[in-house]
């Protein structure tokens, strides 16, 4: 469940959580479990943050070692 680096643009106003849900339940699950990171316009935002049309969303896998 580690997606490649993905860059998307918001097509209509929504919240970050709803945006993640709209691209797939697997993305939302991974986002909730903190397996993937999300930047909106180069910033980390809360899941309830409101996104505007044209916002740039970057989704990337969280890499950790141990």
PDB file of N, CA and C in Angstrom:
ATOM      1  N   UNK A   1       0.817  -1.184   0.000  1.00  0.00           N
ATOM      2  CA  UNK A   1       0.000   0.000   0.000  1.00  0.00           C
ATOM      3  C   UNK A   1       0.868   1.259   0.000  1.00  0.00           C
ATOM      4  N   UNK A   2       1.983   1.226  -0.659  1.00  0.00           N
ATOM      5  CA  UNK A   2       2.852   2.377  -0.747  1.00  0.00           C
ATOM      6  C   UNK A   2       2.763   2.958  -2.153  1.00  0.00           C
ATOM      7  N   UNK A   3       1.977   4.009  -2.338  1.00  0.00           N
ATOM      8  CA  UNK A   3       1.838   4.585  -3.677  1.00  0.00           C
ATOM      9  C   UNK A   3       3.088   5.337  -4.085  1.00  0.00           C
ATOM     10  N   UNK A   4       3.264   5.494  -5.363  1.00  0.00           N
ATOM     11  CA  UNK A   4       4.343   6.325  -5.870  1.00  0.00           C
ATOM     12  C   UNK A   4       4.025   7.782  -5.566  1.00  0.00           C
ATOM     13  N   UNK A   5       5.023   8.633  -5.726  1.00  0.00           N
ATOM     14  CA  UNK A   5       4.793  10.059  -5.597  1.00  0.00           C
ATOM     15  C   UNK A   5       3.703  10.466  -6.582  1.00  0.00           C
ATOM     16  N   UNK A   6       2.670  11.144  -6.092  1.00  0.00           N
ATOM     17  CA  UNK A   6       1.530  11.529  -6.912  1.00  0.00           C
ATOM     18  C   UNK A   6       1.271  13.014  -6.738  1.00  0.00           C
ATOM     19  N   UNK A   7       1.104  13.723  -7.853  1.00  0.00           N
ATOM     20  CA  UNK A   7       0.760  15.137  -7.820  1.00  0.00           C
ATOM     21  C   UNK A   7      -0.604  15.300  -8.482  1.00  0.00           C
ATOM     22  N   UNK A   8      -1.530  15.915  -7.750  1.00  0.00           N
ATOM     23  CA  UNK A   8      -2.884  16.126  -8.265  1.00  0.00           C
ATOM     24  C   UNK A   8      -3.284  17.571  -7.998  1.00  0.00           C
ATOM     25  N   UNK A   9      -4.303  18.022  -8.713  1.00  0.00           N
ATOM     26  CA  UNK A   9      -4.835  19.367  -8.511  1.00  0.00           C
ATOM     27  C   UNK A   9      -6.311  19.271  -8.168  1.00  0.00           C
ATOM     28  N   UNK A  10      -6.743  20.092  -7.241  1.00  0.00           N
ATOM     29  CA  UNK A  10      -8.134  20.102  -6.792  1.00  0.00           C
ATOM     30  C   UNK A  10      -9.003  20.684  -7.899  1.00  0.00           C
ATOM     31  N   UNK A  11     -10.080  19.984  -8.244  1.00  0.00           N
ATOM     32  CA  UNK A  11     -10.976  20.435  -9.317  1.00  0.00           C
ATOM     33  C   UNK A  11     -12.164  21.224  -8.793  1.00  0.00           C
ATOM     34  N   UNK A  12     -12.581  20.948  -7.542  1.00  0.00           N
ATOM     35  CA  UNK A  12     -13.695  21.678  -6.943  1.00  0.00           C
ATOM     36  C   UNK A  12     -13.455  21.807  -5.446  1.00  0.00           C
ATOM     37  N   UNK A  13     -13.957  22.852  -4.811  1.00  0.00           N
ATOM     38  CA  UNK A  13     -13.723  23.045  -3.377  1.00  0.00           C
ATOM     39  C   UNK A  13     -14.188  21.838  -2.554  1.00  0.00           C
ATOM     40  N   UNK A  14     -13.359  21.468  -1.592  1.00  0.00           N
ATOM     41  CA  UNK A  14     -13.627  20.314  -0.740  1.00  0.00           C
ATOM     42  C   UNK A  14     -12.719  20.389   0.475  1.00  0.00           C
ATOM     43  N   UNK A  15     -12.845  19.436   1.386  1.00  0.00           N
ATOM     44  CA  UNK A  15     -11.892  19.332   2.490  1.00  0.00           C
ATOM     45  C   UNK A  15     -10.813  18.328   2.083  1.00  0.00           C
ATOM     46  N   UNK A  16      -9.708  18.360   2.783  1.00  0.00           N
ATOM     47  CA  UNK A  16      -8.622  17.428   2.464  1.00  0.00           C
ATOM     48  C   UNK A  16      -9.083  15.988   2.638  1.00  0.00           C
ATOM     49  N   UNK A  17      -9.818  15.708   3.693  1.00  0.00           N
ATOM     50  CA  UNK A  17     -10.302  14.341   3.933  1.00  0.00           C
ATOM     51  C   UNK A  17     -11.221  13.872   2.808  1.00  0.00           C
ATOM     52  N   UNK A  18     -12.143  14.722   2.376  1.00  0.00           N
ATOM     53  CA  UNK A  18     -13.047  14.356   1.281  1.00  0.00           C
ATOM     54  C   UNK A  18     -12.279  14.189  -0.028  1.00  0.00           C
ATOM     55  N   UNK A  19     -11.240  14.989  -0.222  1.00  0.00           N
ATOM     56  CA  UNK A  19     -10.420  14.849  -1.426  1.00  0.00           C
ATOM     57  C   UNK A  19      -9.732  13.484  -1.443  1.00  0.00           C
ATOM     58  N   UNK A  20      -9.163  13.097  -0.294  1.00  0.00           N
ATOM     59  CA  UNK A  20      -8.500  11.795  -0.205  1.00  0.00           C
ATOM     60  C   UNK A  20      -9.503  10.670  -0.455  1.00  0.00           C
ATOM     61  N   UNK A  21     -10.711  10.812   0.074  1.00  0.00           N
ATOM     62  CA  UNK A  21     -11.747   9.802  -0.141  1.00  0.00           C
ATOM     63  C   UNK A  21     -12.145   9.733  -1.611  1.00  0.00           C
ATOM     64  N   UNK A  22     -12.175  10.879  -2.296  1.00  0.00           N
ATOM     65  CA  UNK A  22     -12.601  10.907  -3.696  1.00  0.00           C
ATOM     66  C   UNK A  22     -11.610  10.208  -4.633  1.00  0.00           C
ATOM     67  N   UNK A  23     -10.347  10.140  -4.237  1.00  0.00           N
ATOM     68  CA  UNK A  23      -9.382   9.463  -5.118  1.00  0.00           C
ATOM     69  C   UNK A  23      -9.263   7.978  -4.808  1.00  0.00           C
ATOM     70  N   UNK A  24      -9.900   7.529  -3.716  1.00  0.00           N
ATOM     71  CA  UNK A  24      -9.928   6.099  -3.423  1.00  0.00           C
ATOM     72  C   UNK A  24      -9.910   5.805  -1.940  1.00  0.00           C
ATOM     73  N   UNK A  25     -10.680   4.812  -1.558  1.00  0.00           N
ATOM     74  CA  UNK A  25     -10.742   4.408  -0.152  1.00  0.00           C
ATOM     75  C   UNK A  25      -9.370   3.948   0.358  1.00  0.00           C
ATOM     76  N   UNK A  26      -8.553   3.347  -0.516  1.00  0.00           N
ATOM     77  CA  UNK A  26      -7.219   2.915  -0.094  1.00  0.00           C
ATOM     78  C   UNK A  26      -6.348   4.102   0.295  1.00  0.00           C
ATOM     79  N   UNK A  27      -6.479   5.208  -0.443  1.00  0.00           N
ATOM     80  CA  UNK A  27      -5.717   6.411  -0.109  1.00  0.00           C
ATOM     81  C   UNK A  27      -6.183   6.974   1.226  1.00  0.00           C
ATOM     82  N   UNK A  28      -7.483   7.010   1.445  1.00  0.00           N
ATOM     83  CA  UNK A  28      -8.011   7.532   2.703  1.00  0.00           C
ATOM     84  C   UNK A  28      -7.550   6.669   3.875  1.00  0.00           C
ATOM     85  N   UNK A  29      -7.597   5.359   3.714  1.00  0.00           N
ATOM     86  CA  UNK A  29      -7.150   4.442   4.768  1.00  0.00           C
ATOM     87  C   UNK A  29      -5.666   4.664   5.072  1.00  0.00           C
ATOM     88  N   UNK A  30      -4.854   4.739   4.030  1.00  0.00           N
ATOM     89  CA  UNK A  30      -3.413   4.946   4.214  1.00  0.00           C
ATOM     90  C   UNK A  30      -3.139   6.306   4.855  1.00  0.00           C
ATOM     91  N   UNK A  31      -3.913   7.314   4.480  1.00  0.00           N
ATOM     92  CA  UNK A  31      -3.763   8.651   5.066  1.00  0.00           C
ATOM     93  C   UNK A  31      -4.121   8.615   6.553  1.00  0.00           C
ATOM     94  N   UNK A  32      -5.213   7.965   6.901  1.00  0.00           N
ATOM     95  CA  UNK A  32      -5.631   7.856   8.307  1.00  0.00           C
ATOM     96  C   UNK A  32      -4.606   7.096   9.145  1.00  0.00           C
ATOM     97  N   UNK A  33      -3.974   6.091   8.557  1.00  0.00           N
ATOM     98  CA  UNK A  33      -2.977   5.282   9.268  1.00  0.00           C
ATOM     99  C   UNK A  33      -1.573   5.890   9.209  1.00  0.00           C
ATOM    100  N   UNK A  34      -1.458   7.038   8.572  1.00  0.00           N
ATOM    101  CA  UNK A  34      -0.184   7.759   8.443  1.00  0.00           C
ATOM    102  C   UNK A  34       0.881   6.972   7.680  1.00  0.00           C
ATOM    103  N   UNK A  35       0.435   6.207   6.697  1.00  0.00           N
ATOM    104  CA  UNK A  35       1.347   5.459   5.843  1.00  0.00           C
ATOM    105  C   UNK A  35       1.794   6.332   4.668  1.00  0.00           C
ATOM    106  N   UNK A  36       0.966   7.315   4.331  1.00  0.00           N
ATOM    107  CA  UNK A  36       1.318   8.258   3.270  1.00  0.00           C
ATOM    108  C   UNK A  36       1.294   9.670   3.842  1.00  0.00           C
ATOM    109  N   UNK A  37       2.097  10.535   3.243  1.00  0.00           N
ATOM    110  CA  UNK A  37       2.115  11.942   3.618  1.00  0.00           C
ATOM    111  C   UNK A  37       1.424  12.757   2.539  1.00  0.00           C
ATOM    112  N   UNK A  38       0.866  13.882   2.928  1.00  0.00           N
ATOM    113  CA  UNK A  38       0.157  14.746   1.988  1.00  0.00           C
ATOM    114  C   UNK A  38       0.578  16.190   2.230  1.00  0.00           C
ATOM    115  N   UNK A  39       0.971  16.865   1.150  1.00  0.00           N
ATOM    116  CA  UNK A  39       1.273  18.290   1.189  1.00  0.00           C
ATOM    117  C   UNK A  39       0.293  19.009   0.281  1.00  0.00           C
ATOM    118  N   UNK A  40      -0.252  20.115   0.745  1.00  0.00           N
ATOM    119  CA  UNK A  40      -1.124  20.953  -0.073  1.00  0.00           C
ATOM    120  C   UNK A  40      -0.412  22.287  -0.232  1.00  0.00           C
ATOM    121  N   UNK A  41      -0.083  22.617  -1.472  1.00  0.00           N
ATOM    122  CA  UNK A  41       0.675  23.848  -1.746  1.00  0.00           C
ATOM    123  C   UNK A  41       1.922  23.923  -0.867  1.00  0.00           C
ATOM    124  N   UNK A  42       2.625  22.798  -0.750  1.00  0.00           N
ATOM    125  CA  UNK A  42       3.874  22.663   0.003  1.00  0.00           C
ATOM    126  C   UNK A  42       3.716  22.824   1.514  1.00  0.00           C
ATOM    127  N   UNK A  43       2.514  22.609   2.046  1.00  0.00           N
ATOM    128  CA  UNK A  43       2.275  22.686   3.489  1.00  0.00           C
ATOM    129  C   UNK A  43       1.467  21.486   3.957  1.00  0.00           C
ATOM    130  N   UNK A  44       1.729  21.062   5.189  1.00  0.00           N
ATOM    131  CA  UNK A  44       0.897  20.025   5.795  1.00  0.00           C
ATOM    132  C   UNK A  44      -0.330  20.698   6.388  1.00  0.00           C
ATOM    133  N   UNK A  45      -1.486  20.105   6.170  1.00  0.00           N
ATOM    134  CA  UNK A  45      -2.729  20.671   6.671  1.00  0.00           C
ATOM    135  C   UNK A  45      -3.516  19.620   7.440  1.00  0.00           C
ATOM    136  N   UNK A  46      -4.447  20.085   8.276  1.00  0.00           N
ATOM    137  CA  UNK A  46      -5.368  19.190   8.964  1.00  0.00           C
ATOM    138  C   UNK A  46      -6.301  18.557   7.947  1.00  0.00           C
ATOM    139  N   UNK A  47      -6.872  17.420   8.285  1.00  0.00           N
ATOM    140  CA  UNK A  47      -7.808  16.728   7.397  1.00  0.00           C
ATOM    141  C   UNK A  47      -9.053  17.568   7.135  1.00  0.00           C
ATOM    142  N   UNK A  48      -9.383  18.457   8.050  1.00  0.00           N
ATOM    143  CA  UNK A  48     -10.577  19.292   7.893  1.00  0.00           C
ATOM    144  C   UNK A  48     -10.310  20.585   7.120  1.00  0.00           C
ATOM    145  N   UNK A  49      -9.063  20.792   6.678  1.00  0.00           N
ATOM    146  CA  UNK A  49      -8.721  22.014   5.944  1.00  0.00           C
ATOM    147  C   UNK A  49      -9.501  22.092   4.638  1.00  0.00           C
ATOM    148  N   UNK A  50      -9.940  23.295   4.317  1.00  0.00           N
ATOM    149  CA  UNK A  50     -10.700  23.500   3.086  1.00  0.00           C
ATOM    150  C   UNK A  50      -9.743  23.749   1.931  1.00  0.00           C
ATOM    151  N   UNK A  51      -9.926  22.985   0.863  1.00  0.00           N
ATOM    152  CA  UNK A  51      -9.110  23.127  -0.335  1.00  0.00           C
ATOM    153  C   UNK A  51      -9.875  23.924  -1.372  1.00  0.00           C
ATOM    154  N   UNK A  52      -9.132  24.715  -2.140  1.00  0.00           N
ATOM    155  CA  UNK A  52      -9.742  25.509  -3.192  1.00  0.00           C
ATOM    156  C   UNK A  52      -9.389  24.919  -4.552  1.00  0.00           C
ATOM    157  N   UNK A  53     -10.153  25.283  -5.534  1.00  0.00           N
ATOM    158  CA  UNK A  53      -9.896  24.833  -6.903  1.00  0.00           C
ATOM    159  C   UNK A  53      -8.497  25.277  -7.318  1.00  0.00           C
ATOM    160  N   UNK A  54      -7.743  24.341  -7.873  1.00  0.00           N
ATOM    161  CA  UNK A  54      -6.395  24.640  -8.340  1.00  0.00           C
ATOM    162  C   UNK A  54      -5.296  24.373  -7.325  1.00  0.00           C
ATOM    163  N   UNK A  55      -5.643  24.042  -6.074  1.00  0.00           N
ATOM    164  CA  UNK A  55      -4.617  23.720  -5.078  1.00  0.00           C
ATOM    165  C   UNK A  55      -3.849  22.480  -5.522  1.00  0.00           C
ATOM    166  N   UNK A  56      -2.552  22.496  -5.287  1.00  0.00           N
ATOM    167  CA  UNK A  56      -1.677  21.381  -5.651  1.00  0.00           C
ATOM    168  C   UNK A  56      -1.549  20.435  -4.457  1.00  0.00           C
ATOM    169  N   UNK A  57      -1.871  19.157  -4.677  1.00  0.00           N
ATOM    170  CA  UNK A  57      -1.810  18.141  -3.626  1.00  0.00           C
ATOM    171  C   UNK A  57      -0.742  17.116  -4.011  1.00  0.00           C
ATOM    172  N   UNK A  58       0.244  16.954  -3.150  1.00  0.00           N
ATOM    173  CA  UNK A  58       1.324  15.986  -3.374  1.00  0.00           C
ATOM    174  C   UNK A  58       1.163  14.868  -2.354  1.00  0.00           C
ATOM    175  N   UNK A  59       1.080  13.640  -2.836  1.00  0.00           N
ATOM    176  CA  UNK A  59       0.923  12.461  -1.984  1.00  0.00           C
ATOM    177  C   UNK A  59       2.197  11.622  -2.134  1.00  0.00           C
ATOM    178  N   UNK A  60       2.785  11.239  -0.997  1.00  0.00           N
ATOM    179  CA  UNK A  60       4.041  10.499  -1.052  1.00  0.00           C
ATOM    180  C   UNK A  60       4.064   9.439   0.044  1.00  0.00           C
ATOM    181  N   UNK A  61       4.798   8.354  -0.181  1.00  0.00           N
ATOM    182  CA  UNK A  61       4.885   7.301   0.849  1.00  0.00           C
ATOM    183  C   UNK A  61       5.788   7.776   2.002  1.00  0.00           C
ATOM    184  N   UNK A  62       5.404   7.393   3.211  1.00  0.00           N
ATOM    185  CA  UNK A  62       6.227   7.671   4.385  1.00  0.00           C
ATOM    186  C   UNK A  62       7.238   6.534   4.494  1.00  0.00           C
ATOM    187  N   UNK A  63       8.475   6.862   4.505  1.00  0.00           N
ATOM    188  CA  UNK A  63       9.546   5.862   4.590  1.00  0.00           C
ATOM    189  C   UNK A  63      10.126   5.919   5.998  1.00  0.00           C
ATOM    190  N   UNK A  64      10.172   4.782   6.637  1.00  0.00           N
ATOM    191  CA  UNK A  64      10.754   4.732   7.977  1.00  0.00           C
ATOM    192  C   UNK A  64      11.618   3.485   8.095  1.00  0.00           C
ATOM    193  N   UNK A  65      12.550   3.554   8.959  1.00  0.00           N
ATOM    194  CA  UNK A  65      13.431   2.422   9.170  1.00  0.00           C
ATOM    195  C   UNK A  65      13.410   2.011  10.626  1.00  0.00           C
ATOM    196  N   UNK A  66      14.016   0.914  10.897  1.00  0.00           N
ATOM    197  CA  UNK A  66      13.999   0.525  12.289  1.00  0.00           C
ATOM    198  C   UNK A  66      14.907  -0.567  12.611  1.00  0.00           C
TER     199      UNK A  66
END
